[in-house]
Amino acid sequence: MKPLKIAILDMYDNAPNEGMRCILQLVRRAQETSPISLAFDVFNVRANVELPDLSYDIYISSGGPGSPLPTDEAWEKPYFSLIDSLFAWNREHSQKKHVFLICHSFQLVSRHLEVGLLSKRKSTSFGIFPMHKTEAGQADPILGTLPEPFFSVDSRDYQVTEPNEARLAASGMTVLAMEKERPHVPLDRAIMAIRFTPEIIGTQFHPEADGEGMLRHFQTTEKREQIIANHGEAKYEEMVRLLQDPHTIELTESLVVPTFLRQAVAALAPTATDRQPAGVTF
């Protein structure tokens, strides 16, 4: 059978980042172990206004810098047209498109679908934090694989809060995870994950972040000095400690996107995955 096609939407606008490295690393791991051949293409959405068509089976839309609030930039309308087309395709076809939205992409789509309040934070959220699953998150086929709470990298100047319960209920969307509990802070907790449809999920955290690679990155002199200057030495030391803990982001990285990809492949090619050799997973 033909390879399943993955479209990776690079939303970093050519800014230096670790997100694309991590996403590509996970997709390449999936290629190595998948029972079905996987092919992928990368689309530089914001810098080059590059967008995939609907011939792809799986779409991963990355995080990115800057504001997710409305702009008149050339890529926005085509991006939202693609998102609308993916939802419409899944309503009209039995073979679905599978979509994962990360951080900036999650914020954009949440704003587009009016599922909550998108606003600028009073201060940057930056670090490795616990995330708390909702009841729906506990039962979710992806987030349900994680402990309660689970840890992930959070890096945001903006946030989606105040879930629009009526809108969510009418559309069949469910909130899967919320920001860490802060009883001493009189501010709304951010929505950290939403199951938009059975095939479309988004997280406001970075499930692709890997402990080993990010630890190397953070221990470079330039990055260490940047983090300490912006967030303090205590925050830097805490992040290094958590990056070395296999039960924090390393666990999240090993489960969330790989489970999404494995389940997408199983749904798109069930007869082929039935022939998967014992012990082969990704």
Protein backbone atom coordinates (compact mmCIF):
# COMPACT_ATOMS: atom_id res chain seq x y z
CA MET A 1 0.00 0.00 0.00
CA LYS A 2 1.07 3.62 -0.46
CA PRO A 3 2.91 5.30 2.41
CA LEU A 4 0.84 7.26 4.87
CA LYS A 5 1.70 10.94 4.49
CA ILE A 6 2.47 13.26 7.40
CA ALA A 7 2.37 17.06 7.03
CA ILE A 8 4.46 18.91 9.61
CA LEU A 9 3.42 22.54 9.88
CA ASP A 10 6.39 24.62 11.07
CA MET A 11 4.92 27.65 12.88
CA TYR A 12 8.23 29.03 14.19
CA ASP A 13 8.55 31.82 11.58
CA ASN A 14 12.26 30.97 11.15
CA ALA A 15 12.95 31.68 14.85
CA PRO A 16 15.59 29.44 16.52
CA ASN A 17 13.80 26.66 18.38
CA GLU A 18 13.99 23.14 19.79
CA GLY A 19 10.41 22.24 18.87
CA MET A 20 10.98 21.29 15.25
CA ARG A 21 14.00 19.17 16.15
CA CYS A 22 11.89 17.27 18.66
CA ILE A 23 8.93 16.81 16.31
CA LEU A 24 11.15 15.56 13.48
CA GLN A 25 12.93 13.23 15.89
CA LEU A 26 9.62 11.64 16.92
CA VAL A 27 8.38 11.31 13.35
CA ARG A 28 11.65 9.70 12.25
CA ARG A 29 11.44 7.24 15.14
CA ALA A 30 7.94 6.36 13.98
CA GLN A 31 9.23 5.81 10.44
CA GLU A 32 11.82 3.36 11.72
CA THR A 33 9.36 1.15 13.56
CA SER A 34 5.98 1.61 11.92
CA PRO A 35 4.52 -1.46 10.19
CA ILE A 36 3.31 0.95 7.48
CA SER A 37 5.66 3.13 5.43
CA LEU A 38 5.45 6.77 6.56
CA ALA A 39 6.51 9.80 4.51
CA PHE A 40 6.58 13.39 5.70
CA ASP A 41 6.91 16.91 4.36
CA VAL A 42 7.62 20.12 6.29
CA PHE A 43 5.72 23.34 5.52
CA ASN A 44 7.14 26.68 6.65
CA VAL A 45 3.74 28.24 7.28
CA ARG A 46 4.42 31.67 8.76
CA ALA A 47 7.67 32.62 7.04
CA ASN A 48 6.91 31.30 3.54
CA VAL A 49 3.10 30.90 3.58
CA GLU A 50 3.53 27.21 2.78
CA LEU A 51 0.54 24.98 3.56
CA PRO A 52 -0.27 21.37 2.76
CA ASP A 53 -3.28 20.25 0.77
CA LEU A 54 -5.74 17.57 1.88
CA SER A 55 -3.76 14.67 0.41
CA TYR A 56 -2.00 14.07 3.75
CA ASP A 57 -3.24 11.59 6.35
CA ILE A 58 -1.68 13.05 9.51
CA TYR A 59 -1.00 16.70 10.38
CA ILE A 60 1.22 18.00 13.20
CA SER A 61 1.15 21.78 13.72
CA SER A 62 3.98 23.09 15.89
CA GLY A 63 4.40 25.69 18.58
CA GLY A 64 5.92 29.04 17.76
CA PRO A 65 6.86 32.51 18.95
CA GLY A 66 4.87 35.70 18.97
CA SER A 67 1.22 36.51 19.43
CA PRO A 68 -1.64 34.12 18.54
CA LEU A 69 -4.07 37.06 18.57
CA PRO A 70 -5.59 38.15 15.22
CA THR A 71 -3.27 39.71 12.66
CA ASP A 72 -3.39 40.52 8.95
CA GLU A 73 -0.38 38.34 8.15
CA ALA A 74 -0.60 36.50 4.84
CA TRP A 75 -0.51 33.00 6.32
CA GLU A 76 -3.46 33.33 8.73
CA LYS A 77 -6.41 32.97 6.37
CA PRO A 78 -4.92 29.98 4.49
CA TYR A 79 -4.01 28.35 7.82
CA PHE A 80 -7.54 28.64 9.20
CA SER A 81 -8.97 27.56 5.83
CA LEU A 82 -6.90 24.38 6.14
CA ILE A 83 -8.09 23.81 9.71
CA ASP A 84 -11.73 24.27 8.64
CA SER A 85 -11.19 21.91 5.71
CA LEU A 86 -9.75 19.21 8.00
CA PHE A 87 -12.76 19.40 10.32
CA ALA A 88 -15.10 19.35 7.30
CA TRP A 89 -13.28 16.38 5.75
CA ASN A 90 -13.69 14.37 8.93
CA ARG A 91 -17.41 15.13 9.04
CA GLU A 92 -17.86 13.94 5.47
CA HIS A 93 -15.48 10.97 5.08
CA SER A 94 -15.04 7.63 6.79
CA GLN A 95 -11.22 7.70 6.51
CA LYS A 96 -10.32 10.59 8.79
CA LYS A 97 -7.48 13.07 8.93
CA HIS A 98 -5.57 12.93 12.23
CA VAL A 99 -4.32 16.25 13.64
CA PHE A 100 -2.10 17.24 16.58
CA LEU A 101 -1.89 20.94 17.54
CA ILE A 102 0.95 22.14 19.79
CA CYS A 103 1.00 25.32 21.93
CA HIS A 104 0.88 28.25 19.45
CA SER A 105 -1.20 26.16 17.04
CA PHE A 106 -3.48 25.09 19.91
CA GLN A 107 -3.97 28.75 20.86
CA LEU A 108 -4.75 29.76 17.27
CA VAL A 109 -7.30 27.00 16.77
CA SER A 110 -8.87 27.58 20.19
CA ARG A 111 -9.32 31.23 19.28
CA HIS A 112 -10.69 30.32 15.85
CA LEU A 113 -13.22 27.88 17.33
CA GLU A 114 -14.05 30.18 20.28
CA VAL A 115 -13.56 27.48 22.89
CA GLY A 116 -12.11 29.80 25.54
CA LEU A 117 -10.61 33.20 26.27
CA LEU A 118 -7.27 33.85 24.58
CA SER A 119 -5.24 36.56 26.30
CA LYS A 120 -1.71 37.70 27.10
CA ARG A 121 -0.38 36.43 30.42
CA LYS A 122 0.71 38.81 33.16
CA SER A 123 4.10 37.09 33.04
CA THR A 124 5.72 34.38 30.93
CA SER A 125 5.07 30.78 31.92
CA PHE A 126 8.40 29.04 31.43
CA GLY A 127 9.54 25.80 32.96
CA ILE A 128 8.63 22.18 33.57
CA PHE A 129 5.33 22.03 35.40
CA PRO A 130 2.74 19.50 36.53
CA MET A 131 -0.41 19.25 34.42
CA HIS A 132 -3.65 17.93 35.86
CA LYS A 133 -5.96 15.70 33.88
CA THR A 134 -9.71 16.18 33.94
CA GLU A 135 -12.04 13.20 34.21
CA ALA A 136 -12.16 13.14 30.40
CA GLY A 137 -8.36 13.31 30.31
CA GLN A 138 -8.09 10.29 32.60
CA ALA A 139 -10.08 8.28 30.05
CA ASP A 140 -8.53 9.79 26.91
CA PRO A 141 -6.73 7.29 24.67
CA ILE A 142 -3.62 9.50 24.59
CA LEU A 143 -3.45 11.49 27.83
CA GLY A 144 -4.86 8.54 29.74
CA THR A 145 -1.49 6.83 29.26
CA LEU A 146 0.14 9.44 31.55
CA PRO A 147 0.20 9.58 35.36
CA GLU A 148 -1.76 12.16 37.37
CA PRO A 149 -0.30 14.69 37.45
CA PHE A 150 2.11 14.49 34.54
CA PHE A 151 4.92 16.90 33.69
CA SER A 152 5.74 18.78 30.51
CA VAL A 153 7.54 21.83 29.20
CA ASP A 154 5.40 24.97 29.35
CA SER A 155 6.59 28.07 27.48
CA ARG A 156 3.89 30.69 26.95
CA ASP A 157 3.33 34.43 26.88
CA TYR A 158 -0.35 33.85 26.04
CA GLN A 159 -2.99 31.52 27.39
CA VAL A 160 -6.40 30.01 26.74
CA THR A 161 -8.56 30.15 29.88
CA GLU A 162 -12.29 30.25 30.77
CA PRO A 163 -13.53 27.29 28.72
CA ASN A 164 -16.73 28.09 26.83
CA GLU A 165 -18.74 25.18 28.24
CA ALA A 166 -21.73 25.72 25.95
CA ARG A 167 -19.55 25.86 22.86
CA LEU A 168 -17.55 22.80 23.93
CA ALA A 169 -20.67 20.76 24.68
CA ALA A 170 -22.41 21.74 21.44
CA SER A 171 -19.35 20.76 19.40
CA GLY A 172 -18.55 17.56 21.30
CA MET A 173 -15.16 18.89 22.45
CA THR A 174 -13.70 18.00 25.83
CA VAL A 175 -11.08 19.63 28.04
CA LEU A 176 -8.46 17.00 28.90
CA ALA A 177 -5.99 18.83 31.14
CA MET A 178 -5.60 22.03 33.14
CA GLU A 179 -2.70 24.12 34.35
CA LYS A 180 -1.07 23.39 37.69
CA GLU A 181 -3.16 24.28 40.72
CA ARG A 182 -2.18 27.62 42.25
CA PRO A 183 -4.42 28.18 45.30
CA HIS A 184 -2.41 31.25 46.34
CA VAL A 185 -2.84 32.95 42.92
CA PRO A 186 -6.27 34.50 42.19
CA LEU A 187 -6.05 33.85 38.43
CA ASP A 188 -7.86 31.44 36.12
CA ARG A 189 -6.03 28.23 35.29
CA ALA A 190 -5.13 27.72 31.65
CA ILE A 191 -6.66 24.93 29.58
CA MET A 192 -3.72 22.67 28.75
CA ALA A 193 -5.32 20.11 26.38
CA ILE A 194 -8.52 19.68 24.39
CA ARG A 195 -9.87 16.73 22.45
CA PHE A 196 -11.52 18.64 19.57
CA THR A 197 -12.77 15.48 17.85
CA PRO A 198 -11.84 11.80 18.10
CA GLU A 199 -9.09 12.46 15.53
CA ILE A 200 -8.02 16.03 16.44
CA ILE A 201 -6.26 16.87 19.69
CA GLY A 202 -4.31 19.87 20.91
CA THR A 203 -2.08 20.73 23.86
CA GLN A 204 -1.01 24.12 25.21
CA PHE A 205 2.13 22.42 26.57
CA HIS A 206 5.01 20.91 24.57
CA PRO A 207 4.68 17.09 24.57
CA GLU A 208 7.43 16.79 21.97
CA ALA A 209 10.14 18.18 24.29
CA ASP A 210 12.84 15.60 25.06
CA GLY A 211 14.82 15.57 28.29
CA GLU A 212 18.22 14.60 26.93
CA GLY A 213 18.27 17.03 24.00
CA MET A 214 16.85 19.92 25.96
CA LEU A 215 19.30 19.31 28.80
CA ARG A 216 22.20 19.62 26.33
CA HIS A 217 20.61 22.77 24.90
CA PHE A 218 20.03 24.37 28.31
CA GLN A 219 23.56 23.61 29.48
CA THR A 220 25.14 25.64 26.69
CA THR A 221 26.60 28.87 28.06
CA GLU A 222 24.36 31.07 25.90
CA LYS A 223 21.10 29.37 26.90
CA ARG A 224 22.07 29.09 30.57
CA GLU A 225 22.83 32.80 30.76
CA GLN A 226 19.63 33.65 28.90
CA ILE A 227 17.42 31.61 31.26
CA ILE A 228 19.11 32.97 34.39
CA ALA A 229 18.82 36.54 33.11
CA ASN A 230 15.12 36.16 32.30
CA HIS A 231 13.92 33.77 35.00
CA GLY A 232 16.59 33.53 37.72
CA GLU A 233 19.13 30.92 38.75
CA ALA A 234 16.67 28.99 40.93
CA LYS A 235 14.39 28.43 37.91
CA TYR A 236 17.35 27.29 35.83
CA GLU A 237 18.51 24.79 38.46
CA GLU A 238 14.97 23.44 38.87
CA MET A 239 14.62 22.89 35.12
CA VAL A 240 17.97 21.07 34.90
CA ARG A 241 16.91 18.82 37.80
CA LEU A 242 13.57 17.98 36.19
CA LEU A 243 15.15 17.41 32.77
CA GLN A 244 17.29 14.71 34.39
CA ASP A 245 14.28 12.98 35.95
CA PRO A 246 13.01 10.16 33.67
CA HIS A 247 9.54 10.44 35.20
CA THR A 248 8.88 14.00 34.00
CA ILE A 249 9.16 15.26 30.43
CA GLU A 250 11.01 12.18 29.19
CA LEU A 251 7.93 10.12 30.04
CA THR A 252 5.56 12.63 28.42
CA GLU A 253 7.72 12.78 25.28
CA SER A 254 7.81 8.98 25.05
CA LEU A 255 4.02 8.62 25.24
CA VAL A 256 1.97 11.53 23.87
CA VAL A 257 3.04 12.10 20.26
CA PRO A 258 4.14 8.45 19.74
CA THR A 259 0.72 7.25 20.95
CA PHE A 260 -1.00 9.77 18.66
CA LEU A 261 1.01 8.49 15.69
CA ARG A 262 0.52 4.83 16.57
CA GLN A 263 -3.25 5.26 16.93
CA ALA A 264 -3.46 7.27 13.69
CA VAL A 265 -1.59 4.55 11.78
CA ALA A 266 -3.81 1.86 13.31
CA ALA A 267 -6.96 3.76 12.28
CA LEU A 268 -5.73 4.54 8.77
CA ALA A 269 -4.34 1.10 7.94
CA PRO A 270 -6.00 -1.46 10.24
CA THR A 271 -5.43 -4.49 8.03
CA ALA A 272 -1.72 -3.76 7.72
CA THR A 273 -1.25 -3.07 11.43
CA ASP A 274 -2.91 -6.39 12.19
CA ARG A 275 0.18 -7.97 10.63
CA GLN A 276 2.59 -6.04 12.85
CA PRO A 277 5.28 -8.34 14.30
CA ALA A 278 5.07 -8.99 18.01
CA GLY A 279 7.08 -6.60 20.10
CA VAL A 280 7.39 -3.88 17.45
CA THR A 281 6.05 -0.57 18.70
CA PHE A 282 6.72 3.09 18.34
